[in-house]
Amino acid sequence: SVIAIKENVFYDENRKNRVVLTPTALFMDYKNYT
């Protein structure tokens, strides 16, 4: 099937880490992991 995917992207204040929420997935991506 074909669906509309909208990436809702949320960055931290340094824009190194982000949360991405789409109709098919939630993921957290750290480039500055502590």
PDB file of all heavy atoms in Angstrom:
ATOM      1  N   SER A   1       0.836  -1.191   0.000  1.00  0.00           N
ATOM      2  CA  SER A   1       0.000   0.000   0.000  1.00  0.00           C
ATOM      3  C   SER A   1       0.878   1.250   0.000  1.00  0.00           C
ATOM      4  O   SER A   1       2.065   1.196   0.324  1.00  0.00           O
ATOM      5  CB  SER A   1      -0.930   0.004   1.212  1.00  0.00           C
ATOM      6  OG  SER A   1      -0.176   0.002   2.414  1.00  0.00           O
ATOM      7  N   VAL A   2       0.287   2.373  -0.359  1.00  0.00           N
ATOM      8  CA  VAL A   2       1.007   3.641  -0.391  1.00  0.00           C
ATOM      9  C   VAL A   2       0.435   4.564   0.678  1.00  0.00           C
ATOM     10  O   VAL A   2      -0.778   4.758   0.753  1.00  0.00           O
ATOM     11  CB  VAL A   2       0.892   4.309  -1.779  1.00  0.00           C
ATOM     12  CG1 VAL A   2       1.582   5.679  -1.773  1.00  0.00           C
ATOM     13  CG2 VAL A   2       1.521   3.414  -2.843  1.00  0.00           C
ATOM     14  N   ILE A   3       1.308   5.108   1.521  1.00  0.00           N
ATOM     15  CA  ILE A   3       0.861   6.006   2.577  1.00  0.00           C
ATOM     16  C   ILE A   3       1.708   7.272   2.568  1.00  0.00           C
ATOM     17  O   ILE A   3       2.802   7.302   1.999  1.00  0.00           O
ATOM     18  CB  ILE A   3       0.963   5.350   3.980  1.00  0.00           C
ATOM     19  CG1 ILE A   3       2.417   4.991   4.306  1.00  0.00           C
ATOM     20  CG2 ILE A   3       0.078   4.119   4.073  1.00  0.00           C
ATOM     21  CD1 ILE A   3       2.624   4.553   5.736  1.00  0.00           C
ATOM     22  N   ALA A   4       1.164   8.305   3.179  1.00  0.00           N
ATOM     23  CA  ALA A   4       1.898   9.561   3.309  1.00  0.00           C
ATOM     24  C   ALA A   4       2.743   9.512   4.571  1.00  0.00           C
ATOM     25  O   ALA A   4       2.227   9.280   5.670  1.00  0.00           O
ATOM     26  CB  ALA A   4       0.931  10.737   3.372  1.00  0.00           C
ATOM     27  N   ILE A   5       4.033   9.690   4.439  1.00  0.00           N
ATOM     28  CA  ILE A   5       4.954   9.672   5.570  1.00  0.00           C
ATOM     29  C   ILE A   5       5.402  11.096   5.868  1.00  0.00           C
ATOM     30  O   ILE A   5       5.967  11.773   5.008  1.00  0.00           O
ATOM     31  CB  ILE A   5       6.190   8.800   5.284  1.00  0.00           C
ATOM     32  CG1 ILE A   5       5.793   7.334   5.085  1.00  0.00           C
ATOM     33  CG2 ILE A   5       7.213   8.929   6.399  1.00  0.00           C
ATOM     34  CD1 ILE A   5       5.299   6.657   6.332  1.00  0.00           C
ATOM     35  N   LYS A   6       5.126  11.522   7.067  1.00  0.00           N
ATOM     36  CA  LYS A   6       5.570  12.840   7.513  1.00  0.00           C
ATOM     37  C   LYS A   6       6.555  12.649   8.655  1.00  0.00           C
ATOM     38  O   LYS A   6       6.220  12.060   9.675  1.00  0.00           O
ATOM     39  CB  LYS A   6       4.377  13.673   7.978  1.00  0.00           C
ATOM     40  CG  LYS A   6       4.749  15.045   8.504  1.00  0.00           C
ATOM     41  CD  LYS A   6       3.498  15.777   8.996  1.00  0.00           C
ATOM     42  CE  LYS A   6       3.846  17.137   9.571  1.00  0.00           C
ATOM     43  NZ  LYS A   6       2.635  17.839  10.081  1.00  0.00           N
ATOM     44  N   GLU A   7       7.763  13.114   8.470  1.00  0.00           N
ATOM     45  CA  GLU A   7       8.765  13.014   9.528  1.00  0.00           C
ATOM     46  C   GLU A   7       8.641  14.213  10.453  1.00  0.00           C
ATOM     47  O   GLU A   7       8.902  15.350  10.041  1.00  0.00           O
ATOM     48  CB  GLU A   7      10.180  12.955   8.937  1.00  0.00           C
ATOM     49  CG  GLU A   7      10.555  11.621   8.373  1.00  0.00           C
ATOM     50  CD  GLU A   7      12.055  11.474   8.185  1.00  0.00           C
ATOM     51  OE1 GLU A   7      12.777  12.491   8.326  1.00  0.00           O
ATOM     52  OE2 GLU A   7      12.508  10.355   7.916  1.00  0.00           O
ATOM     53  N   ASN A   8       8.239  13.951  11.675  1.00  0.00           N
ATOM     54  CA  ASN A   8       8.227  14.986  12.700  1.00  0.00           C
ATOM     55  C   ASN A   8       9.543  14.878  13.462  1.00  0.00           C
ATOM     56  O   ASN A   8       9.782  13.893  14.169  1.00  0.00           O
ATOM     57  CB  ASN A   8       7.049  14.770  13.650  1.00  0.00           C
ATOM     58  CG  ASN A   8       5.715  14.855  12.924  1.00  0.00           C
ATOM     59  OD1 ASN A   8       5.207  15.932  12.673  1.00  0.00           O
ATOM     60  ND2 ASN A   8       5.150  13.698  12.578  1.00  0.00           N
ATOM     61  N   VAL A   9      10.411  15.859  13.285  1.00  0.00           N
ATOM     62  CA  VAL A   9      11.761  15.796  13.830  1.00  0.00           C
ATOM     63  C   VAL A   9      11.907  16.801  14.969  1.00  0.00           C
ATOM     64  O   VAL A   9      11.541  17.973  14.836  1.00  0.00           O
ATOM     65  CB  VAL A   9      12.814  16.088  12.744  1.00  0.00           C
ATOM     66  CG1 VAL A   9      14.216  15.899  13.290  1.00  0.00           C
ATOM     67  CG2 VAL A   9      12.595  15.189  11.528  1.00  0.00           C
ATOM     68  N   PHE A  10      12.463  16.322  16.078  1.00  0.00           N
ATOM     69  CA  PHE A  10      12.689  17.151  17.262  1.00  0.00           C
ATOM     70  C   PHE A  10      14.169  17.081  17.616  1.00  0.00           C
ATOM     71  O   PHE A  10      14.705  15.991  17.845  1.00  0.00           O
ATOM     72  CB  PHE A  10      11.863  16.644  18.444  1.00  0.00           C
ATOM     73  CG  PHE A  10      10.380  16.598  18.207  1.00  0.00           C
ATOM     74  CD1 PHE A  10       9.806  15.565  17.473  1.00  0.00           C
ATOM     75  CD2 PHE A  10       9.545  17.578  18.736  1.00  0.00           C
ATOM     76  CE1 PHE A  10       8.431  15.506  17.262  1.00  0.00           C
ATOM     77  CE2 PHE A  10       8.174  17.528  18.533  1.00  0.00           C
ATOM     78  CZ  PHE A  10       7.615  16.490  17.796  1.00  0.00           C
ATOM     79  N   TYR A  11      14.833  18.233  17.680  1.00  0.00           N
ATOM     80  CA  TYR A  11      16.254  18.293  18.015  1.00  0.00           C
ATOM     81  C   TYR A  11      16.453  18.811  19.433  1.00  0.00           C
ATOM     82  O   TYR A  11      15.638  19.597  19.945  1.00  0.00           O
ATOM     83  CB  TYR A  11      16.996  19.231  17.060  1.00  0.00           C
ATOM     84  CG  TYR A  11      17.113  18.740  15.639  1.00  0.00           C
ATOM     85  CD1 TYR A  11      16.187  19.120  14.676  1.00  0.00           C
ATOM     86  CD2 TYR A  11      18.157  17.908  15.255  1.00  0.00           C
ATOM     87  CE1 TYR A  11      16.288  18.681  13.357  1.00  0.00           C
ATOM     88  CE2 TYR A  11      18.278  17.467  13.942  1.00  0.00           C
ATOM     89  CZ  TYR A  11      17.340  17.853  13.009  1.00  0.00           C
ATOM     90  OH  TYR A  11      17.448  17.415  11.716  1.00  0.00           O
ATOM     91  N   ASP A  12      17.589  18.400  20.031  1.00  0.00           N
ATOM     92  CA  ASP A  12      17.971  19.043  21.286  1.00  0.00           C
ATOM     93  C   ASP A  12      18.613  20.383  20.963  1.00  0.00           C
ATOM     94  O   ASP A  12      18.784  20.751  19.797  1.00  0.00           O
ATOM     95  CB  ASP A  12      18.892  18.143  22.116  1.00  0.00           C
ATOM     96  CG  ASP A  12      20.261  17.922  21.487  1.00  0.00           C
ATOM     97  OD1 ASP A  12      20.520  18.462  20.380  1.00  0.00           O
ATOM     98  OD2 ASP A  12      21.081  17.214  22.094  1.00  0.00           O
ATOM     99  N   GLU A  13      18.984  21.140  21.994  1.00  0.00           N
ATOM    100  CA  GLU A  13      19.452  22.515  21.785  1.00  0.00           C
ATOM    101  C   GLU A  13      20.755  22.577  20.989  1.00  0.00           C
ATOM    102  O   GLU A  13      21.044  23.587  20.337  1.00  0.00           O
ATOM    103  CB  GLU A  13      19.625  23.224  23.129  1.00  0.00           C
ATOM    104  CG  GLU A  13      20.607  22.564  24.067  1.00  0.00           C
ATOM    105  CD  GLU A  13      20.692  23.256  25.417  1.00  0.00           C
ATOM    106  OE1 GLU A  13      19.880  24.168  25.676  1.00  0.00           O
ATOM    107  OE2 GLU A  13      21.574  22.873  26.209  1.00  0.00           O
ATOM    108  N   ASN A  14      21.545  21.517  21.008  1.00  0.00           N
ATOM    109  CA  ASN A  14      22.793  21.501  20.248  1.00  0.00           C
ATOM    110  C   ASN A  14      22.626  20.895  18.850  1.00  0.00           C
ATOM    111  O   ASN A  14      23.586  20.846  18.088  1.00  0.00           O
ATOM    112  CB  ASN A  14      23.850  20.705  21.022  1.00  0.00           C
ATOM    113  CG  ASN A  14      24.201  21.354  22.339  1.00  0.00           C
ATOM    114  OD1 ASN A  14      24.370  22.560  22.404  1.00  0.00           O
ATOM    115  ND2 ASN A  14      24.291  20.551  23.389  1.00  0.00           N
ATOM    116  N   ARG A  15      21.429  20.403  18.565  1.00  0.00           N
ATOM    117  CA  ARG A  15      21.099  19.797  17.282  1.00  0.00           C
ATOM    118  C   ARG A  15      22.003  18.597  16.967  1.00  0.00           C
ATOM    119  O   ARG A  15      22.235  18.274  15.800  1.00  0.00           O
ATOM    120  CB  ARG A  15      21.162  20.829  16.145  1.00  0.00           C
ATOM    121  CG  ARG A  15      20.210  22.004  16.345  1.00  0.00           C
ATOM    122  CD  ARG A  15      20.273  22.968  15.183  1.00  0.00           C
ATOM    123  NE  ARG A  15      19.633  22.380  14.013  1.00  0.00           N
ATOM    124  CZ  ARG A  15      18.326  22.457  13.728  1.00  0.00           C
ATOM    125  NH1 ARG A  15      17.514  23.099  14.552  1.00  0.00           N
ATOM    126  NH2 ARG A  15      17.833  21.904  12.646  1.00  0.00           N
ATOM    127  N   LYS A  16      22.482  17.951  18.012  1.00  0.00           N
ATOM    128  CA  LYS A  16      23.301  16.756  17.840  1.00  0.00           C
ATOM    129  C   LYS A  16      22.466  15.485  18.025  1.00  0.00           C
ATOM    130  O   LYS A  16      22.806  14.426  17.483  1.00  0.00           O
ATOM    131  CB  LYS A  16      24.453  16.743  18.850  1.00  0.00           C
ATOM    132  CG  LYS A  16      25.478  17.850  18.661  1.00  0.00           C
ATOM    133  CD  LYS A  16      26.301  17.640  17.409  1.00  0.00           C
ATOM    134  CE  LYS A  16      27.434  18.641  17.314  1.00  0.00           C
ATOM    135  NZ  LYS A  16      28.239  18.461  16.076  1.00  0.00           N
ATOM    136  N   ASN A  17      21.414  15.596  18.809  1.00  0.00           N
ATOM    137  CA  ASN A  17      20.552  14.459  19.096  1.00  0.00           C
ATOM    138  C   ASN A  17      19.131  14.793  18.653  1.00  0.00           C
ATOM    139  O   ASN A  17      18.723  15.956  18.692  1.00  0.00           O
ATOM    140  CB  ASN A  17      20.559  14.135  20.592  1.00  0.00           C
ATOM    141  CG  ASN A  17      21.962  13.907  21.116  1.00  0.00           C
ATOM    142  OD1 ASN A  17      22.814  13.358  20.419  1.00  0.00           O
ATOM    143  ND2 ASN A  17      22.215  14.343  22.339  1.00  0.00           N
ATOM    144  N   ARG A  18      18.386  13.775  18.247  1.00  0.00           N
ATOM    145  CA  ARG A  18      17.052  14.051  17.744  1.00  0.00           C
ATOM    146  C   ARG A  18      16.105  12.880  18.002  1.00  0.00           C
ATOM    147  O   ARG A  18      16.525  11.728  18.176  1.00  0.00           O
ATOM    148  CB  ARG A  18      17.096  14.332  16.240  1.00  0.00           C
ATOM    149  CG  ARG A  18      17.592  13.166  15.407  1.00  0.00           C
ATOM    150  CD  ARG A  18      17.571  13.456  13.921  1.00  0.00           C
ATOM    151  NE  ARG A  18      18.025  12.288  13.173  1.00  0.00           N
ATOM    152  CZ  ARG A  18      17.669  12.002  11.929  1.00  0.00           C
ATOM    153  NH1 ARG A  18      16.884  12.832  11.257  1.00  0.00           N
ATOM    154  NH2 ARG A  18      18.112  10.911  11.326  1.00  0.00           N
ATOM    155  N   VAL A  19      14.825  13.209  18.003  1.00  0.00           N
ATOM    156  CA  VAL A  19      13.754  12.226  17.999  1.00  0.00           C
ATOM    157  C   VAL A  19      13.003  12.391  16.691  1.00  0.00           C
ATOM    158  O   VAL A  19      12.696  13.514  16.285  1.00  0.00           O
ATOM    159  CB  VAL A  19      12.790  12.441  19.188  1.00  0.00           C
ATOM    160  CG1 VAL A  19      11.539  11.581  19.033  1.00  0.00           C
ATOM    161  CG2 VAL A  19      13.491  12.108  20.496  1.00  0.00           C
ATOM    162  N   VAL A  20      12.729  11.278  16.027  1.00  0.00           N
ATOM    163  CA  VAL A  20      11.971  11.309  14.774  1.00  0.00           C
ATOM    164  C   VAL A  20      10.746  10.419  14.934  1.00  0.00           C
ATOM    165  O   VAL A  20      10.863   9.257  15.360  1.00  0.00           O
ATOM    166  CB  VAL A  20      12.820  10.826  13.580  1.00  0.00           C
ATOM    167  CG1 VAL A  20      11.989  10.855  12.295  1.00  0.00           C
ATOM    168  CG2 VAL A  20      14.068  11.694  13.426  1.00  0.00           C
ATOM    169  N   LEU A  21       9.583  10.969  14.605  1.00  0.00           N
ATOM    170  CA  LEU A  21       8.329  10.242  14.718  1.00  0.00           C
ATOM    171  C   LEU A  21       7.609  10.299  13.376  1.00  0.00           C
ATOM    172  O   LEU A  21       7.357  11.379  12.840  1.00  0.00           O
ATOM    173  CB  LEU A  21       7.458  10.850  15.816  1.00  0.00           C
ATOM    174  CG  LEU A  21       6.165  10.130  16.168  1.00  0.00           C
ATOM    175  CD1 LEU A  21       6.437   8.699  16.625  1.00  0.00           C
ATOM    176  CD2 LEU A  21       5.426  10.894  17.267  1.00  0.00           C
ATOM    177  N   THR A  22       7.318   9.135  12.817  1.00  0.00           N
ATOM    178  CA  THR A  22       6.612   9.023  11.545  1.00  0.00           C
ATOM    179  C   THR A  22       5.416   8.088  11.742  1.00  0.00           C
ATOM    180  O   THR A  22       5.282   7.458  12.804  1.00  0.00           O
ATOM    181  CB  THR A  22       7.523   8.463  10.444  1.00  0.00           C
ATOM    182  OG1 THR A  22       7.644   7.041  10.601  1.00  0.00           O
ATOM    183  CG2 THR A  22       8.903   9.106  10.475  1.00  0.00           C
ATOM    184  N   PRO A  23       4.562   7.927  10.757  1.00  0.00           N
ATOM    185  CA  PRO A  23       3.468   6.964  10.886  1.00  0.00           C
ATOM    186  C   PRO A  23       3.929   5.518  11.057  1.00  0.00           C
ATOM    187  O   PRO A  23       3.150   4.672  11.484  1.00  0.00           O
ATOM    188  CB  PRO A  23       2.694   7.134   9.569  1.00  0.00           C
ATOM    189  CG  PRO A  23       2.951   8.538   9.160  1.00  0.00           C
ATOM    190  CD  PRO A  23       4.383   8.777   9.544  1.00  0.00           C
ATOM    191  N   THR A  24       5.182   5.222  10.743  1.00  0.00           N
ATOM    192  CA  THR A  24       5.651   3.836  10.800  1.00  0.00           C
ATOM    193  C   THR A  24       6.694   3.556  11.881  1.00  0.00           C
ATOM    194  O   THR A  24       7.008   2.391  12.143  1.00  0.00           O
ATOM    195  CB  THR A  24       6.250   3.413   9.448  1.00  0.00           C
ATOM    196  OG1 THR A  24       7.340   4.297   9.128  1.00  0.00           O
ATOM    197  CG2 THR A  24       5.202   3.488   8.346  1.00  0.00           C
ATOM    198  N   ALA A  25       7.226   4.590  12.527  1.00  0.00           N
ATOM    199  CA  ALA A  25       8.308   4.341  13.488  1.00  0.00           C
ATOM    200  C   ALA A  25       8.561   5.539  14.400  1.00  0.00           C
ATOM    201  O   ALA A  25       8.261   6.686  14.054  1.00  0.00           O
ATOM    202  CB  ALA A  25       9.603   3.996  12.754  1.00  0.00           C
ATOM    203  N   LEU A  26       9.135   5.231  15.552  1.00  0.00           N
ATOM    204  CA  LEU A  26       9.690   6.222  16.478  1.00  0.00           C
ATOM    205  C   LEU A  26      11.143   5.860  16.680  1.00  0.00           C
ATOM    206  O   LEU A  26      11.468   4.705  16.983  1.00  0.00           O
ATOM    207  CB  LEU A  26       8.961   6.168  17.822  1.00  0.00           C
ATOM    208  CG  LEU A  26       9.674   6.815  19.014  1.00  0.00           C
ATOM    209  CD1 LEU A  26       9.690   8.334  18.886  1.00  0.00           C
ATOM    210  CD2 LEU A  26       9.032   6.393  20.338  1.00  0.00           C
ATOM    211  N   PHE A  27      12.045   6.836  16.485  1.00  0.00           N
ATOM    212  CA  PHE A  27      13.429   6.528  16.831  1.00  0.00           C
ATOM    213  C   PHE A  27      14.141   7.747  17.404  1.00  0.00           C
ATOM    214  O   PHE A  27      13.789   8.891  17.118  1.00  0.00           O
ATOM    215  CB  PHE A  27      14.205   5.928  15.646  1.00  0.00           C
ATOM    216  CG  PHE A  27      14.434   6.836  14.475  1.00  0.00           C
ATOM    217  CD1 PHE A  27      15.564   7.632  14.397  1.00  0.00           C
ATOM    218  CD2 PHE A  27      13.530   6.862  13.423  1.00  0.00           C
ATOM    219  CE1 PHE A  27      15.794   8.446  13.298  1.00  0.00           C
ATOM    220  CE2 PHE A  27      13.750   7.668  12.314  1.00  0.00           C
ATOM    221  CZ  PHE A  27      14.883   8.459  12.252  1.00  0.00           C
ATOM    222  N   MET A  28      15.108   7.447  18.252  1.00  0.00           N
ATOM    223  CA  MET A  28      15.952   8.450  18.882  1.00  0.00           C
ATOM    224  C   MET A  28      17.373   8.228  18.388  1.00  0.00           C
ATOM    225  O   MET A  28      17.890   7.114  18.446  1.00  0.00           O
ATOM    226  CB  MET A  28      15.872   8.347  20.401  1.00  0.00           C
ATOM    227  CG  MET A  28      16.615   9.421  21.157  1.00  0.00           C
ATOM    228  SD  MET A  28      16.378   9.254  22.953  1.00  0.00           S
ATOM    229  CE  MET A  28      14.676   9.753  23.127  1.00  0.00           C
ATOM    230  N   ASP A  29      17.992   9.290  17.900  1.00  0.00           N
ATOM    231  CA  ASP A  29      19.293   9.204  17.238  1.00  0.00           C
ATOM    232  C   ASP A  29      20.256  10.155  17.947  1.00  0.00           C
ATOM    233  O   ASP A  29      20.069  11.368  17.904  1.00  0.00           O
ATOM    234  CB  ASP A  29      19.097   9.576  15.766  1.00  0.00           C
ATOM    235  CG  ASP A  29      20.388   9.537  14.965  1.00  0.00           C
ATOM    236  OD1 ASP A  29      21.348   8.922  15.444  1.00  0.00           O
ATOM    237  OD2 ASP A  29      20.419  10.117  13.869  1.00  0.00           O
ATOM    238  N   TYR A  30      21.278   9.583  18.600  1.00  0.00           N
ATOM    239  CA  TYR A  30      22.260  10.383  19.339  1.00  0.00           C
ATOM    240  C   TYR A  30      23.568  10.459  18.563  1.00  0.00           C
ATOM    241  O   TYR A  30      24.196   9.433  18.278  1.00  0.00           O
ATOM    242  CB  TYR A  30      22.564   9.742  20.694  1.00  0.00           C
ATOM    243  CG  TYR A  30      21.526   9.937  21.759  1.00  0.00           C
ATOM    244  CD1 TYR A  30      20.440   9.069  21.871  1.00  0.00           C
ATOM    245  CD2 TYR A  30      21.634  10.965  22.685  1.00  0.00           C
ATOM    246  CE1 TYR A  30      19.498   9.230  22.868  1.00  0.00           C
ATOM    247  CE2 TYR A  30      20.687  11.126  23.684  1.00  0.00           C
ATOM    248  CZ  TYR A  30      19.630  10.257  23.767  1.00  0.00           C
ATOM    249  OH  TYR A  30      18.687  10.416  24.745  1.00  0.00           O
ATOM    250  N   LYS A  31      24.011  11.665  18.263  1.00  0.00           N
ATOM    251  CA  LYS A  31      25.361  11.880  17.750  1.00  0.00           C
ATOM    252  C   LYS A  31      26.274  12.395  18.868  1.00  0.00           C
ATOM    253  O   LYS A  31      27.483  12.439  18.713  1.00  0.00           O
ATOM    254  CB  LYS A  31      25.335  12.900  16.599  1.00  0.00           C
ATOM    255  CG  LYS A  31      24.524  12.423  15.386  1.00  0.00           C
ATOM    256  CD  LYS A  31      25.220  11.281  14.675  1.00  0.00           C
ATOM    257  CE  LYS A  31      24.375  10.752  13.505  1.00  0.00           C
ATOM    258  NZ  LYS A  31      24.071  11.760  12.491  1.00  0.00           N
ATOM    259  N   ASN A  32      25.651  12.829  19.965  1.00  0.00           N
ATOM    260  CA  ASN A  32      26.383  13.296  21.143  1.00  0.00           C
ATOM    261  C   ASN A  32      25.861  12.524  22.352  1.00  0.00           C
ATOM    262  O   ASN A  32      25.076  13.016  23.144  1.00  0.00           O
ATOM    263  CB  ASN A  32      26.192  14.802  21.333  1.00  0.00           C
ATOM    264  CG  ASN A  32      27.008  15.350  22.497  1.00  0.00           C
ATOM    265  OD1 ASN A  32      28.015  14.766  22.890  1.00  0.00           O
ATOM    266  ND2 ASN A  32      26.566  16.452  23.059  1.00  0.00           N
ATOM    267  N   TYR A  33      26.315  11.277  22.462  1.00  0.00           N
ATOM    268  CA  TYR A  33      25.838  10.353  23.490  1.00  0.00           C
ATOM    269  C   TYR A  33      26.636  10.543  24.764  1.00  0.00           C
ATOM    270  O   TYR A  33      27.863  10.646  24.721  1.00  0.00           O
ATOM    271  CB  TYR A  33      25.996   8.925  22.974  1.00  0.00           C
ATOM    272  CG  TYR A  33      25.621   7.829  23.937  1.00  0.00           C
ATOM    273  CD1 TYR A  33      24.306   7.396  24.057  1.00  0.00           C
ATOM    274  CD2 TYR A  33      26.591   7.197  24.703  1.00  0.00           C
ATOM    275  CE1 TYR A  33      23.967   6.362  24.916  1.00  0.00           C
ATOM    276  CE2 TYR A  33      26.272   6.164  25.567  1.00  0.00           C
ATOM    277  CZ  TYR A  33      24.949   5.741  25.671  1.00  0.00           C
ATOM    278  OH  TYR A  33      24.625   4.708  26.530  1.00  0.00           O
ATOM    279  N   THR A  34      25.938  10.569  25.897  1.00  0.00           N
ATOM    280  CA  THR A  34      26.630  10.725  27.172  1.00  0.00           C
ATOM    281  C   THR A  34      26.524   9.482  28.057  1.00  0.00           C
ATOM    282  O   THR A  34      27.523   9.055  28.633  1.00  0.00           O
ATOM    283  CB  THR A  34      26.086  11.936  27.941  1.00  0.00           C
ATOM    284  OG1 THR A  34      24.648  11.871  27.995  1.00  0.00           O
ATOM    285  CG2 THR A  34      26.492  13.238  27.248  1.00  0.00           C
TER     286      THR A  34
END
